[in-house]
Amino acid sequence: AEQIQPKQYQAAAQMVSKG
């Protein structure tokens, strides 16, 4: 399993939230 860093996860979540 790939370990996703908190910063990367947060950035991805924000991008997904925007659409």
Protein backbone atom coordinates (compact mmCIF):
# COMPACT_ATOMS: atom_id res chain seq x y z
CA ALA A 1 0.00 0.00 0.00
CA GLU A 2 1.23 3.45 -0.84
CA GLN A 3 1.62 5.84 2.09
CA ILE A 4 0.05 9.19 1.20
CA GLN A 5 1.50 12.15 3.07
CA PRO A 6 -0.91 14.50 4.91
CA LYS A 7 0.08 17.44 2.72
CA GLN A 8 -0.57 15.53 -0.50
CA TYR A 9 -3.85 14.16 0.85
CA GLN A 10 -5.02 17.62 1.90
CA ALA A 11 -4.14 19.11 -1.49
CA ALA A 12 -5.99 16.31 -3.29
CA ALA A 13 -9.04 16.70 -1.04
CA GLN A 14 -9.17 20.43 -1.75
CA MET A 15 -8.87 19.87 -5.51
CA VAL A 16 -11.64 17.27 -5.44
CA SER A 17 -13.80 19.60 -3.37
CA LYS A 18 -13.45 22.30 -6.03
CA GLY A 19 -14.40 19.80 -8.72
